Amino acid sequence: MSYTFARRTDGLRSSAIRDLLKLTEVDDMLSLAGGLPAPDSFPLLDLRRAADRLLGEHGPRAVQYSATDGVVELRGWLAGEYSAALGREIAVEGQIVVTHGSQQALDLLAKVLVDPGDVVVTESPAYLGAVQAIELFQPRFEVVPGDEHGMRVDVLADRLAAGLRPRFVYVVPNFHNPSGATMSLDRRRLLAELADRFEVLIVEDDPYGAIRFSDDPLPPVASFTERAVHLSTFSKIVAPGFRVGWMIGPPEVMGWVARAKQAADLHTSTFAQLVLTDLVATPGWLDEQRARIVPIYRDRCVALADALDAGLGERISFHRPNGGMFLWTEFAELDDTTRLLSLALDRGVAFVPGNAFTIDQEPDPHARFSYATVPAERMGDAVERLVGAVDRAVRATG
């Protein structure tokens, strides 16, 4: 049967990560591909108790329709948290919109900000989910290179000075997906300064900031400018199945976002919002949850990095992130890791090829490994399988 689809679907890519999930569910597959939170990080007993309390205390309200921008209890908690984090008063009304994860926040922002042909600035490599959400609205992506200290904001400054005027600049400042990079303090300040000087909106996506292995957190970009929309989520720090995230930004932007959300879904799950608020608003609970889950990711990150060093040595290069869920690598002997992936899958290990995180999707020598779901004691096995695949790939290209 033949159907006609909207022109905006032209070039809409499928997620290489989501496609890989189907392949990684086979027995004995060690998946370093999808960035799924560690199942043993989920506070299941606390969630069960909170759900029971919620139904007893709130009754029908817990499963009724609720406000488009979020239940007032959650917005109140977020207003308090971010007033402290950003160093200015964040209002419960008008500045906060609760979303179906931060992924929906990206979709809604693109929907209200981007017309076909408008420029959107992103880092390279880029978070695939953001590219998917934004490209449906047919922007022109302006790619700014990044390194282990985040987006090269000096390069962005030169392009803005030369006349570039994007609808927004998208950054993941903490433990970037896929690169694992953390934007330096100087770059955060410069990015905020550029936003004010050139009247550019910053979209600051921070899903991983709570998974910090050591050192003090750096202030958000949004703490240095009001021309920023800050996104985050409970998906990584509590559980992703609730699909609860949020955005905090200028009232002018949030007003249009709330109207777009009305048309999209009416509101985010009342039940999920109230269960999560019950937990995170309990004094000390969130600190205890962080203290419980951060060592899980830290130990797995160290185990993977050590195994890669031991197994591949100078054949692979990477920097060790200080948090998050990802290790971004470059293979010295390969110029296209898509071919390596098929060989790795045959040996029972999965990763995401580097070209999945580029706008042009050209062959790329990089690969993203997620250490989130493979136990530390199995990392050696995973890398041993990978080494065998690398050996075969190198022989095939030689």
Protein backbone atom coordinates (compact mmCIF):
# COMPACT_ATOMS: atom_id res chain seq x y z
CA MET A 1 0.00 0.00 0.00
CA SER A 2 1.20 3.52 -0.79
CA TYR A 3 1.05 6.47 1.60
CA THR A 4 2.18 10.05 1.39
CA PHE A 5 4.14 11.43 4.32
CA ALA A 6 5.01 14.96 5.39
CA ARG A 7 8.16 16.44 3.88
CA ARG A 8 9.55 16.84 7.39
CA THR A 9 10.08 13.07 7.52
CA ASP A 10 12.70 13.28 4.75
CA GLY A 11 16.01 12.17 6.19
CA LEU A 12 14.55 11.33 9.62
CA ARG A 13 17.02 8.80 10.96
CA SER A 14 16.36 5.79 13.14
CA SER A 15 18.28 5.57 16.39
CA ALA A 16 21.23 3.24 15.98
CA ILE A 17 21.12 2.73 19.73
CA ARG A 18 17.46 1.70 19.81
CA ASP A 19 17.98 -0.58 16.82
CA LEU A 20 20.90 -2.24 18.62
CA LEU A 21 18.79 -2.96 21.69
CA LYS A 22 16.89 -5.61 19.72
CA LEU A 23 20.16 -7.38 18.91
CA THR A 24 21.57 -7.17 22.42
CA GLU A 25 18.71 -9.06 24.07
CA VAL A 26 20.08 -12.42 22.88
CA ASP A 27 21.57 -14.79 25.46
CA ASP A 28 25.13 -14.05 26.63
CA MET A 29 25.38 -10.73 24.75
CA LEU A 30 27.49 -8.26 26.73
CA SER A 31 26.06 -4.92 25.72
CA LEU A 32 28.21 -1.82 25.99
CA ALA A 33 25.79 -0.11 23.58
CA GLY A 34 22.59 1.36 24.99
CA GLY A 35 22.96 3.94 27.75
CA LEU A 36 20.45 2.23 30.02
CA PRO A 37 20.76 2.92 33.74
CA ALA A 38 21.97 0.06 35.88
CA PRO A 39 18.91 -1.93 37.03
CA ASP A 40 20.47 -2.40 40.46
CA SER A 41 20.40 1.40 40.85
CA PHE A 42 16.58 1.47 40.94
CA PRO A 43 15.17 2.05 44.46
CA LEU A 44 12.36 -0.46 44.05
CA LEU A 45 11.42 -0.86 47.72
CA ASP A 46 11.29 2.91 48.25
CA LEU A 47 9.18 3.31 45.12
CA ARG A 48 6.74 0.63 46.28
CA ARG A 49 6.34 2.28 49.67
CA ALA A 50 5.88 5.72 48.07
CA ALA A 51 3.22 4.37 45.70
CA ASP A 52 1.30 2.81 48.60
CA ARG A 53 1.47 6.05 50.61
CA LEU A 54 0.44 8.08 47.60
CA LEU A 55 -2.70 6.07 46.87
CA GLY A 56 -3.67 6.16 50.53
CA GLU A 57 -3.13 9.90 51.00
CA HIS A 58 -4.22 11.31 47.65
CA GLY A 59 -6.77 8.72 46.50
CA PRO A 60 -8.33 9.51 43.12
CA ARG A 61 -6.19 12.62 42.64
CA ALA A 62 -3.14 10.41 42.13
CA VAL A 63 -4.61 8.98 38.93
CA GLN A 64 -6.57 12.01 37.70
CA TYR A 65 -5.67 14.54 35.00
CA SER A 66 -3.33 17.26 36.25
CA ALA A 67 -1.78 20.56 35.17
CA THR A 68 0.07 20.64 31.84
CA ASP A 69 3.17 22.20 33.39
CA GLY A 70 3.34 19.66 36.23
CA VAL A 71 1.85 18.94 39.64
CA VAL A 72 2.43 21.81 42.02
CA GLU A 73 4.30 19.66 44.57
CA LEU A 74 6.99 18.72 42.05
CA ARG A 75 7.26 22.23 40.61
CA GLY A 76 7.60 23.56 44.15
CA TRP A 77 10.45 21.16 44.90
CA LEU A 78 12.17 22.04 41.61
CA ALA A 79 11.77 25.77 42.27
CA GLY A 80 13.52 25.38 45.60
CA GLU A 81 16.33 23.25 44.22
CA TYR A 82 17.05 25.49 41.26
CA SER A 83 16.69 28.79 43.09
CA ALA A 84 19.68 27.58 45.13
CA ALA A 85 21.57 26.07 42.18
CA LEU A 86 21.14 29.04 39.84
CA GLY A 87 21.50 31.78 42.44
CA ARG A 88 18.23 33.51 41.56
CA GLU A 89 14.57 33.04 42.34
CA ILE A 90 12.84 30.45 40.15
CA ALA A 91 9.07 30.80 40.19
CA VAL A 92 6.76 27.84 40.61
CA GLU A 93 4.49 29.36 37.96
CA GLY A 94 5.72 30.28 34.51
CA GLN A 95 9.34 29.07 34.60
CA ILE A 96 9.02 25.29 35.03
CA VAL A 97 7.48 22.69 32.73
CA VAL A 98 7.50 19.00 33.68
CA THR A 99 7.94 16.71 30.67
CA HIS A 100 8.03 13.07 29.58
CA GLY A 101 11.75 12.87 30.23
CA SER A 102 14.14 15.44 28.87
CA GLN A 103 13.67 13.90 25.42
CA GLN A 104 10.20 15.43 25.18
CA ALA A 105 11.64 18.74 26.32
CA LEU A 106 13.90 18.74 23.25
CA ASP A 107 10.97 17.97 20.97
CA LEU A 108 8.83 20.74 22.44
CA LEU A 109 11.63 23.32 22.28
CA ALA A 110 12.34 22.50 18.65
CA LYS A 111 8.63 22.65 17.90
CA VAL A 112 8.23 26.19 19.22
CA LEU A 113 11.64 27.60 18.20
CA VAL A 114 12.71 26.08 14.88
CA ASP A 115 11.42 26.73 11.37
CA PRO A 116 12.81 24.88 8.33
CA GLY A 117 16.27 26.21 7.51
CA ASP A 118 16.88 27.81 10.91
CA VAL A 119 20.33 27.24 12.39
CA VAL A 120 20.80 25.09 15.48
CA VAL A 121 24.28 24.76 16.98
CA THR A 122 25.36 21.43 18.42
CA GLU A 123 28.61 19.86 19.52
CA SER A 124 30.51 17.22 17.60
CA PRO A 125 30.11 14.44 18.50
CA ALA A 126 26.43 15.09 19.17
CA TYR A 127 23.85 13.40 21.39
CA LEU A 128 21.86 11.28 18.94
CA GLY A 129 18.54 11.71 20.75
CA ALA A 130 18.77 15.49 20.48
CA VAL A 131 19.60 15.32 16.77
CA GLN A 132 16.59 13.06 16.21
CA ALA A 133 14.24 15.35 18.12
CA ILE A 134 15.42 18.53 16.43
CA GLU A 135 15.95 17.35 12.85
CA LEU A 136 12.25 16.59 12.40
CA PHE A 137 11.76 20.38 12.20
CA GLN A 138 14.30 20.65 9.36
CA PRO A 139 16.98 22.93 10.80
CA ARG A 140 20.45 23.50 9.44
CA PHE A 141 22.88 22.12 11.98
CA GLU A 142 26.00 24.16 12.65
CA VAL A 143 28.53 21.80 14.21
CA VAL A 144 31.10 23.11 16.69
CA PRO A 145 33.91 20.74 17.67
CA GLY A 146 34.38 19.55 21.21
CA ASP A 147 37.17 18.04 23.28
CA GLU A 148 37.48 16.58 26.76
CA HIS A 149 36.59 20.01 28.18
CA GLY A 150 33.33 20.29 26.23
CA MET A 151 32.26 22.42 23.31
CA ARG A 152 34.98 24.66 21.87
CA VAL A 153 33.18 27.83 22.88
CA ASP A 154 36.01 29.92 21.43
CA VAL A 155 35.14 28.51 17.98
CA LEU A 156 31.48 29.35 18.57
CA ALA A 157 32.49 32.89 19.57
CA ASP A 158 34.29 33.37 16.25
CA ARG A 159 31.28 32.15 14.27
CA LEU A 160 28.88 34.37 16.19
CA ALA A 161 31.18 37.34 15.64
CA ALA A 162 31.15 36.50 11.92
CA GLY A 163 27.35 36.73 11.83
CA LEU A 164 26.01 33.30 12.77
CA ARG A 165 22.61 33.63 14.49
CA PRO A 166 21.26 30.27 15.65
CA ARG A 167 17.83 29.72 17.15
CA PHE A 168 19.61 28.02 20.01
CA VAL A 169 22.89 26.39 21.06
CA TYR A 170 22.50 22.86 22.43
CA VAL A 171 25.04 21.60 24.97
CA VAL A 172 25.40 18.68 27.39
CA PRO A 173 27.85 20.21 29.89
CA ASN A 174 28.23 17.33 32.35
CA PHE A 175 29.58 13.93 31.24
CA HIS A 176 28.46 14.47 27.68
CA ASN A 177 26.77 11.71 25.70
CA PRO A 178 28.72 10.26 23.91
CA SER A 179 32.07 11.88 24.69
CA GLY A 180 31.95 11.82 28.51
CA ALA A 181 33.38 15.37 28.48
CA THR A 182 32.63 17.97 31.13
CA MET A 183 32.56 21.59 30.03
CA SER A 184 35.13 23.64 31.90
CA LEU A 185 34.12 26.53 34.14
CA ASP A 186 35.75 29.10 31.84
CA ARG A 187 33.82 27.76 28.85
CA ARG A 188 30.54 27.84 30.77
CA ARG A 189 31.10 31.47 31.65
CA LEU A 190 32.08 32.37 28.09
CA LEU A 191 29.05 30.55 26.67
CA ALA A 192 26.76 32.51 28.98
CA GLU A 193 28.50 35.75 28.03
CA LEU A 194 27.99 34.96 24.34
CA ALA A 195 24.31 34.23 24.96
CA ASP A 196 23.83 37.67 26.48
CA ARG A 197 26.02 39.53 23.98
CA PHE A 198 24.49 37.99 20.85
CA GLU A 199 21.00 37.35 22.26
CA VAL A 200 21.24 33.61 21.69
CA LEU A 201 19.31 31.00 23.66
CA ILE A 202 21.28 28.18 25.32
CA VAL A 203 19.64 24.77 25.76
CA GLU A 204 21.56 23.08 28.57
CA ASP A 205 20.77 19.36 28.86
CA ASP A 206 21.94 17.79 32.13
CA PRO A 207 20.71 14.20 32.54
CA TYR A 208 23.99 12.85 33.97
CA GLY A 209 25.20 15.56 36.35
CA ALA A 210 24.26 13.65 39.51
CA ILE A 211 26.46 10.69 38.52
CA ARG A 212 29.70 12.39 39.54
CA PHE A 213 32.57 10.20 40.72
CA SER A 214 34.63 12.86 42.50
CA ASP A 215 35.25 16.60 42.83
CA ASP A 216 32.65 19.29 43.37
CA PRO A 217 30.00 19.93 40.68
CA LEU A 218 30.47 22.91 38.38
CA PRO A 219 27.71 25.54 38.29
CA PRO A 220 25.19 25.24 35.46
CA VAL A 221 25.51 27.50 32.43
CA ALA A 222 22.06 28.77 33.41
CA SER A 223 23.55 30.17 36.63
CA PHE A 224 25.50 32.71 34.55
CA THR A 225 22.72 33.83 32.20
CA GLU A 226 18.93 33.95 32.09
CA ARG A 227 19.05 33.26 28.34
CA ALA A 228 19.14 29.52 29.01
CA VAL A 229 16.73 26.63 29.25
CA HIS A 230 17.99 23.99 31.66
CA LEU A 231 16.80 20.39 31.15
CA SER A 232 17.12 17.41 33.45
CA THR A 233 15.38 14.18 34.38
CA PHE A 234 14.80 11.54 37.04
CA SER A 235 15.64 8.81 34.52
CA LYS A 236 19.28 8.36 35.52
CA ILE A 237 19.14 9.11 39.23
CA VAL A 238 15.88 7.26 40.10
CA ALA A 239 14.38 5.24 37.21
CA PRO A 240 13.67 5.91 33.52
CA GLY A 241 10.34 4.10 33.26
CA PHE A 242 8.49 6.94 34.98
CA ARG A 243 9.41 9.25 32.06
CA VAL A 244 9.57 12.37 34.21
CA GLY A 245 11.90 15.23 33.34
CA TRP A 246 11.69 18.99 33.42
CA MET A 247 12.84 22.23 31.89
CA ILE A 248 13.44 25.58 33.55
CA GLY A 249 13.75 28.71 31.48
CA PRO A 250 12.56 32.19 30.56
CA PRO A 251 8.78 32.67 31.01
CA GLU A 252 8.45 33.78 27.38
CA VAL A 253 9.81 30.43 26.17
CA MET A 254 8.11 28.28 28.81
CA GLY A 255 4.72 29.80 27.95
CA TRP A 256 4.94 28.59 24.36
CA VAL A 257 6.33 25.23 25.47
CA ALA A 258 3.36 24.69 27.81
CA ARG A 259 0.92 25.39 24.96
CA ALA A 260 2.73 22.94 22.70
CA LYS A 261 2.66 20.33 25.48
CA GLN A 262 -1.10 20.82 25.87
CA ALA A 263 -1.49 19.82 22.24
CA ALA A 264 0.97 16.94 22.52
CA ASP A 265 -0.11 15.04 25.64
CA LEU A 266 -2.18 17.25 27.97
CA HIS A 267 0.17 16.48 30.89
CA THR A 268 2.84 14.14 32.26
CA SER A 269 1.65 11.24 34.42
CA THR A 270 0.17 12.55 37.67
CA PHE A 271 0.94 9.30 39.46
CA ALA A 272 4.58 9.25 38.38
CA GLN A 273 5.15 12.86 39.36
CA LEU A 274 3.63 12.41 42.83
CA VAL A 275 5.53 9.17 43.53
CA LEU A 276 8.83 10.77 42.60
CA THR A 277 8.09 13.94 44.55
CA ASP A 278 7.30 11.85 47.63
CA LEU A 279 10.79 10.36 47.44
CA VAL A 280 12.99 13.27 46.44
CA ALA A 281 11.30 15.72 48.81
CA THR A 282 12.06 13.43 51.76
CA PRO A 283 15.01 15.05 53.59
CA GLY A 284 18.24 13.23 52.83
CA TRP A 285 16.73 10.67 50.44
CA LEU A 286 18.30 12.00 47.25
CA ASP A 287 21.75 12.26 48.83
CA GLU A 288 21.47 8.66 50.01
CA GLN A 289 20.37 7.51 46.56
CA ARG A 290 23.33 9.25 44.93
CA ALA A 291 25.71 7.76 47.48
CA ARG A 292 24.32 4.30 46.70
CA ILE A 293 24.42 4.41 42.91
CA VAL A 294 27.51 6.49 42.08
CA PRO A 295 29.94 3.73 43.18
CA ILE A 296 28.15 1.30 40.84
CA TYR A 297 28.96 3.46 37.82
CA ARG A 298 32.42 4.48 39.05
CA ASP A 299 33.52 0.86 39.56
CA ARG A 300 32.21 -0.18 36.15
CA CYS A 301 33.87 2.77 34.44
CA VAL A 302 37.23 1.93 36.00
CA ALA A 303 36.86 -1.77 35.15
CA LEU A 304 36.09 -1.02 31.48
CA ALA A 305 38.86 1.56 31.10
CA ASP A 306 41.41 -0.75 32.76
CA ALA A 307 40.36 -3.66 30.56
CA LEU A 308 40.63 -1.57 27.38
CA ASP A 309 44.09 -0.35 28.40
CA ALA A 310 45.23 -3.90 29.11
CA GLY A 311 43.62 -5.48 26.05
CA LEU A 312 44.22 -2.88 23.35
CA GLY A 313 46.90 -0.54 24.67
CA GLU A 314 47.93 2.04 22.08
CA ARG A 315 45.47 0.59 19.57
CA ILE A 316 42.73 2.61 21.29
CA SER A 317 42.68 6.06 22.91
CA PHE A 318 40.21 7.71 25.30
CA HIS A 319 40.02 9.96 28.31
CA ARG A 320 38.56 8.66 31.55
CA PRO A 321 35.38 10.56 32.42
CA ASN A 322 34.70 11.78 35.93
CA GLY A 323 31.09 10.69 35.85
CA GLY A 324 28.16 9.74 33.68
CA MET A 325 27.74 6.50 31.75
CA PHE A 326 29.97 6.66 28.67
CA LEU A 327 33.50 6.10 27.40
CA TRP A 328 34.29 7.68 24.00
CA THR A 329 37.11 5.92 22.19
CA GLU A 330 39.13 6.17 18.98
CA PHE A 331 40.69 3.18 17.23
CA ALA A 332 44.13 3.79 15.74
CA GLU A 333 43.91 1.05 13.11
CA LEU A 334 40.33 1.52 11.88
CA ASP A 335 38.62 4.31 9.99
CA ASP A 336 35.07 2.93 10.22
CA THR A 337 33.74 1.23 13.37
CA THR A 338 30.49 0.16 11.71
CA ARG A 339 32.37 -2.78 10.18
CA LEU A 340 33.87 -3.56 13.58
CA LEU A 341 30.39 -3.63 15.13
CA SER A 342 29.17 -6.54 13.00
CA LEU A 343 32.25 -8.55 13.95
CA ALA A 344 31.81 -7.66 17.63
CA LEU A 345 28.16 -8.74 17.60
CA ASP A 346 29.22 -12.10 16.19
CA ARG A 347 31.48 -12.48 19.23
CA GLY A 348 28.80 -11.43 21.72
CA VAL A 349 29.69 -7.82 22.54
CA ALA A 350 27.95 -4.62 21.41
CA PHE A 351 28.82 -0.93 21.23
CA VAL A 352 27.68 2.09 19.20
CA PRO A 353 29.76 3.18 16.19
CA GLY A 354 31.01 6.74 16.18
CA ASN A 355 29.18 7.81 13.03
CA ALA A 356 25.85 7.47 14.90
CA PHE A 357 26.82 10.66 16.74
CA THR A 358 27.71 12.77 13.70
CA ILE A 359 25.39 14.90 11.60
CA ASP A 360 26.73 13.60 8.28
CA GLN A 361 27.04 9.94 9.42
CA GLU A 362 30.25 9.48 7.45
CA PRO A 363 32.66 6.63 8.36
CA ASP A 364 34.26 7.33 11.71
CA PRO A 365 37.02 5.69 13.80
CA HIS A 366 35.31 6.37 17.14
CA ALA A 367 33.04 4.18 19.25
CA ARG A 368 30.90 4.80 22.32
CA PHE A 369 30.95 2.26 25.13
CA SER A 370 28.42 2.43 27.96
CA TYR A 371 29.63 0.84 31.17
CA ALA A 372 26.26 1.22 32.91
CA THR A 373 24.74 -2.25 32.69
CA VAL A 374 27.63 -4.73 32.45
CA PRO A 375 28.90 -5.77 35.92
CA ALA A 376 32.48 -4.78 36.67
CA GLU A 377 33.55 -8.42 36.89
CA ARG A 378 32.37 -9.06 33.30
CA MET A 379 34.20 -6.10 31.70
CA GLY A 380 37.28 -8.23 31.06
CA ASP A 381 35.15 -10.75 29.17
CA ALA A 382 33.54 -8.00 27.11
CA VAL A 383 36.88 -6.49 26.14
CA GLU A 384 38.36 -9.90 25.33
CA ARG A 385 35.54 -10.40 22.83
CA LEU A 386 36.10 -6.91 21.46
CA VAL A 387 39.84 -7.51 21.00
CA GLY A 388 39.07 -10.58 18.89
CA ALA A 389 36.74 -8.51 16.72
CA VAL A 390 39.35 -5.74 16.36
CA ASP A 391 41.95 -8.27 15.26
CA ARG A 392 39.61 -9.58 12.58
CA ALA A 393 38.64 -6.08 11.42
CA VAL A 394 42.28 -5.01 11.10
CA ARG A 395 43.15 -8.14 9.12
CA ALA A 396 40.18 -7.50 6.81
CA THR A 397 41.31 -3.94 6.09
CA GLY A 398 44.96 -4.88 5.66
